[in-house]
């Protein structure tokens, strides 16, 4: 997937059982797991991890940066789709 300028994008969904924190297209997602901080970019390999308490940052294609406080979460990355399941 690409934006109107040809820059690669990915679908991102950050949600808890009763609330969606973000759902849309993004250029990157930044978070922290047990080994330290990391970034997910378009075309990232499949990836699964538990996030430690941190501030998840979603760099959306609309030019905004969403900051979401994470207590505990599971992140799943597959085929330019990032799902973050909060409060698991």
N, C-alpha and C. Protein backbone atom coordinates (compact mmCIF):
# COMPACT_ATOMS: atom_id res chain seq x y z
N UNK A 1 0.84 -1.18 0.00
CA UNK A 1 0.00 0.00 0.00
C UNK A 1 0.88 1.24 0.00
N UNK A 2 0.43 2.26 -0.65
CA UNK A 2 1.15 3.53 -0.70
C UNK A 2 0.18 4.68 -0.57
N UNK A 3 0.71 5.84 -0.17
CA UNK A 3 -0.13 7.04 -0.13
C UNK A 3 -0.16 7.68 -1.51
N UNK A 4 -0.75 8.85 -1.62
CA UNK A 4 -0.89 9.51 -2.93
C UNK A 4 0.44 9.94 -3.53
N UNK A 5 1.51 9.98 -2.71
CA UNK A 5 2.84 10.35 -3.19
C UNK A 5 3.73 9.14 -3.43
N UNK A 6 3.18 7.96 -3.26
CA UNK A 6 3.94 6.73 -3.48
C UNK A 6 4.73 6.25 -2.27
N UNK A 7 4.54 6.90 -1.12
CA UNK A 7 5.25 6.50 0.10
C UNK A 7 4.55 5.29 0.72
N UNK A 8 5.30 4.24 1.10
CA UNK A 8 4.68 3.03 1.66
C UNK A 8 3.92 3.30 2.95
N UNK A 9 2.77 2.65 3.10
CA UNK A 9 1.95 2.77 4.30
C UNK A 9 1.53 1.38 4.77
N UNK A 10 0.89 1.34 5.94
CA UNK A 10 0.36 0.09 6.48
C UNK A 10 -0.91 0.39 7.25
N UNK A 11 -1.74 -0.61 7.41
CA UNK A 11 -2.95 -0.50 8.21
C UNK A 11 -2.59 -0.74 9.67
N UNK A 12 -3.15 0.06 10.57
CA UNK A 12 -2.88 -0.08 12.00
C UNK A 12 -4.19 -0.04 12.76
N UNK A 13 -4.33 -0.97 13.71
CA UNK A 13 -5.49 -0.97 14.59
C UNK A 13 -4.99 -1.20 16.02
N UNK A 14 -5.29 -0.25 16.90
CA UNK A 14 -4.94 -0.34 18.32
C UNK A 14 -6.25 -0.34 19.09
N UNK A 15 -6.51 -1.43 19.81
CA UNK A 15 -7.80 -1.51 20.48
C UNK A 15 -7.77 -2.38 21.72
N UNK A 16 -8.75 -2.14 22.59
CA UNK A 16 -9.00 -2.92 23.80
C UNK A 16 -10.36 -3.59 23.62
N UNK A 17 -10.76 -4.44 24.56
CA UNK A 17 -12.05 -5.11 24.39
C UNK A 17 -13.24 -4.19 24.14
N UNK A 18 -13.24 -2.98 24.73
CA UNK A 18 -14.40 -2.12 24.59
C UNK A 18 -14.08 -0.75 24.01
N UNK A 19 -12.88 -0.58 23.42
CA UNK A 19 -12.51 0.74 22.90
C UNK A 19 -11.48 0.60 21.78
N UNK A 20 -11.66 1.39 20.73
CA UNK A 20 -10.66 1.47 19.66
C UNK A 20 -9.88 2.76 19.87
N UNK A 21 -8.55 2.66 20.02
CA UNK A 21 -7.70 3.82 20.24
C UNK A 21 -7.24 4.45 18.92
N UNK A 22 -7.02 3.62 17.92
CA UNK A 22 -6.62 4.12 16.60
C UNK A 22 -6.95 3.04 15.57
N UNK A 23 -7.46 3.48 14.44
CA UNK A 23 -7.68 2.57 13.31
C UNK A 23 -7.51 3.39 12.04
N UNK A 24 -6.51 3.03 11.25
CA UNK A 24 -6.28 3.76 10.02
C UNK A 24 -4.93 3.45 9.42
N UNK A 25 -4.50 4.28 8.47
CA UNK A 25 -3.23 4.09 7.78
C UNK A 25 -2.13 4.86 8.50
N UNK A 26 -0.91 4.29 8.47
CA UNK A 26 0.22 4.92 9.14
C UNK A 26 1.51 4.64 8.38
N UNK A 27 2.50 5.49 8.65
CA UNK A 27 3.84 5.31 8.09
C UNK A 27 4.72 4.48 9.01
N UNK A 28 4.47 4.56 10.33
CA UNK A 28 5.28 3.79 11.28
C UNK A 28 4.57 3.69 12.63
N UNK A 29 5.02 2.72 13.42
CA UNK A 29 4.54 2.53 14.78
C UNK A 29 5.79 2.33 15.64
N UNK A 30 5.87 3.05 16.76
CA UNK A 30 7.00 2.92 17.68
C UNK A 30 6.50 2.43 19.03
N UNK A 31 7.24 1.48 19.63
CA UNK A 31 6.84 0.91 20.91
C UNK A 31 8.07 0.35 21.62
N UNK A 32 7.82 -0.32 22.77
CA UNK A 32 8.90 -0.91 23.56
C UNK A 32 8.49 -2.31 23.99
N UNK A 33 9.42 -3.27 23.83
CA UNK A 33 9.21 -4.61 24.38
C UNK A 33 10.36 -4.93 25.34
N UNK A 34 10.48 -6.17 25.78
CA UNK A 34 11.51 -6.54 26.75
C UNK A 34 12.93 -6.24 26.29
N UNK A 35 13.17 -6.25 25.00
CA UNK A 35 14.53 -6.01 24.50
C UNK A 35 14.80 -4.53 24.23
N UNK A 36 13.79 -3.68 24.32
CA UNK A 36 14.00 -2.24 24.14
C UNK A 36 13.06 -1.63 23.13
N UNK A 37 13.30 -0.35 22.79
CA UNK A 37 12.44 0.35 21.84
C UNK A 37 12.65 -0.17 20.41
N UNK A 38 11.58 -0.10 19.61
CA UNK A 38 11.66 -0.54 18.22
C UNK A 38 10.62 0.19 17.40
N UNK A 39 10.79 0.13 16.09
CA UNK A 39 9.85 0.74 15.14
C UNK A 39 9.36 -0.32 14.18
N UNK A 40 8.12 -0.21 13.78
CA UNK A 40 7.54 -1.05 12.73
C UNK A 40 7.29 -0.13 11.54
N UNK A 41 7.81 -0.51 10.40
CA UNK A 41 7.64 0.25 9.16
C UNK A 41 6.91 -0.63 8.14
N UNK A 42 6.37 -0.04 7.09
CA UNK A 42 5.74 -0.87 6.05
C UNK A 42 6.72 -1.91 5.53
N UNK A 43 6.20 -3.04 5.13
CA UNK A 43 6.95 -4.19 4.63
C UNK A 43 7.79 -4.89 5.69
N UNK A 44 7.46 -4.66 6.97
CA UNK A 44 8.16 -5.34 8.07
C UNK A 44 7.85 -6.83 8.02
N UNK A 45 8.80 -7.65 8.43
CA UNK A 45 8.56 -9.09 8.51
C UNK A 45 7.47 -9.36 9.53
N UNK A 46 6.85 -10.53 9.43
CA UNK A 46 5.86 -10.94 10.42
C UNK A 46 6.51 -10.90 11.80
N UNK A 47 5.75 -10.44 12.79
CA UNK A 47 6.33 -10.15 14.10
C UNK A 47 5.24 -10.27 15.14
N UNK A 48 5.57 -10.84 16.29
CA UNK A 48 4.64 -10.98 17.39
C UNK A 48 5.41 -10.73 18.68
N UNK A 49 4.89 -9.85 19.55
CA UNK A 49 5.57 -9.60 20.82
C UNK A 49 4.61 -9.03 21.85
N UNK A 50 5.03 -9.10 23.10
CA UNK A 50 4.32 -8.45 24.19
C UNK A 50 4.98 -7.10 24.42
N UNK A 51 4.19 -6.07 24.56
CA UNK A 51 4.72 -4.75 24.86
C UNK A 51 4.78 -4.54 26.37
N UNK A 52 5.82 -3.86 26.82
CA UNK A 52 5.95 -3.49 28.22
C UNK A 52 5.31 -2.11 28.40
N UNK A 53 5.11 -1.65 29.63
CA UNK A 53 4.54 -0.30 29.79
C UNK A 53 5.36 0.74 29.02
N UNK A 54 4.67 1.48 28.17
CA UNK A 54 5.33 2.46 27.32
C UNK A 54 4.29 3.37 26.70
N UNK A 55 4.76 4.29 25.88
CA UNK A 55 3.86 5.11 25.07
C UNK A 55 4.02 4.66 23.63
N UNK A 56 2.97 4.08 23.09
CA UNK A 56 2.95 3.63 21.70
C UNK A 56 2.71 4.85 20.82
N UNK A 57 3.53 5.02 19.79
CA UNK A 57 3.38 6.17 18.89
C UNK A 57 3.03 5.68 17.50
N UNK A 58 1.94 6.21 16.97
CA UNK A 58 1.50 5.89 15.62
C UNK A 58 1.68 7.15 14.78
N UNK A 59 2.50 7.06 13.73
CA UNK A 59 2.73 8.18 12.82
C UNK A 59 1.76 8.01 11.65
N UNK A 60 0.61 8.64 11.77
CA UNK A 60 -0.49 8.46 10.82
C UNK A 60 -0.21 9.18 9.50
N UNK A 61 -0.86 8.70 8.45
CA UNK A 61 -0.68 9.30 7.13
C UNK A 61 -1.31 10.68 7.01
N UNK A 62 -2.16 11.05 7.97
CA UNK A 62 -2.76 12.40 7.93
C UNK A 62 -1.83 13.45 8.53
N UNK A 63 -0.60 13.04 8.90
CA UNK A 63 0.39 13.97 9.42
C UNK A 63 0.41 14.09 10.93
N UNK A 64 -0.48 13.40 11.62
CA UNK A 64 -0.51 13.47 13.08
C UNK A 64 0.29 12.33 13.68
N UNK A 65 0.68 12.52 14.94
CA UNK A 65 1.32 11.44 15.70
C UNK A 65 0.42 11.16 16.90
N UNK A 66 -0.09 9.95 16.98
CA UNK A 66 -0.96 9.56 18.08
C UNK A 66 -0.09 8.89 19.15
N UNK A 67 -0.21 9.31 20.38
CA UNK A 67 0.50 8.72 21.50
C UNK A 67 -0.52 8.01 22.38
N UNK A 68 -0.31 6.71 22.60
CA UNK A 68 -1.25 5.90 23.35
C UNK A 68 -0.48 5.22 24.48
N UNK A 69 -0.89 5.47 25.71
CA UNK A 69 -0.23 4.87 26.87
C UNK A 69 -0.59 3.39 26.96
N UNK A 70 0.44 2.55 27.06
CA UNK A 70 0.26 1.10 27.09
C UNK A 70 0.66 0.57 28.46
N UNK A 71 -0.24 -0.19 29.07
CA UNK A 71 0.10 -0.88 30.32
C UNK A 71 0.64 -2.27 29.98
N UNK A 72 -0.12 -2.99 29.20
CA UNK A 72 0.33 -4.26 28.64
C UNK A 72 -0.46 -4.49 27.36
N UNK A 73 0.22 -5.08 26.37
CA UNK A 73 -0.45 -5.27 25.08
C UNK A 73 0.30 -6.33 24.27
N UNK A 74 -0.39 -6.87 23.32
CA UNK A 74 0.16 -7.83 22.37
C UNK A 74 0.17 -7.16 21.00
N UNK A 75 1.33 -7.19 20.33
CA UNK A 75 1.44 -6.61 18.99
C UNK A 75 1.64 -7.74 17.99
N UNK A 76 0.84 -7.69 16.91
CA UNK A 76 0.95 -8.67 15.83
C UNK A 76 1.11 -7.92 14.52
N UNK A 77 2.18 -8.24 13.79
CA UNK A 77 2.45 -7.59 12.50
C UNK A 77 2.44 -8.67 11.43
N UNK A 78 1.64 -8.45 10.37
CA UNK A 78 1.59 -9.41 9.26
C UNK A 78 1.10 -8.70 8.01
N UNK A 79 1.89 -8.76 6.96
CA UNK A 79 1.50 -8.26 5.63
C UNK A 79 0.98 -6.82 5.66
N UNK A 80 1.79 -5.91 6.19
CA UNK A 80 1.44 -4.49 6.27
C UNK A 80 0.18 -4.21 7.08
N UNK A 81 -0.08 -5.06 8.07
CA UNK A 81 -1.17 -4.84 9.01
C UNK A 81 -0.62 -5.00 10.41
N UNK A 82 -0.79 -3.98 11.25
CA UNK A 82 -0.32 -4.00 12.64
C UNK A 82 -1.54 -3.97 13.54
N UNK A 83 -1.67 -4.99 14.39
CA UNK A 83 -2.76 -5.05 15.36
C UNK A 83 -2.13 -5.02 16.74
N UNK A 84 -2.63 -4.11 17.59
CA UNK A 84 -2.18 -4.03 18.97
C UNK A 84 -3.39 -4.26 19.85
N UNK A 85 -3.35 -5.37 20.61
CA UNK A 85 -4.44 -5.74 21.48
C UNK A 85 -4.08 -5.27 22.89
N UNK A 86 -4.76 -4.25 23.37
CA UNK A 86 -4.48 -3.66 24.68
C UNK A 86 -5.15 -4.47 25.80
N UNK A 87 -4.58 -4.37 27.00
CA UNK A 87 -5.16 -4.94 28.21
C UNK A 87 -5.37 -6.45 28.11
N UNK A 88 -4.37 -7.15 27.59
CA UNK A 88 -4.47 -8.61 27.51
C UNK A 88 -3.67 -9.27 28.61
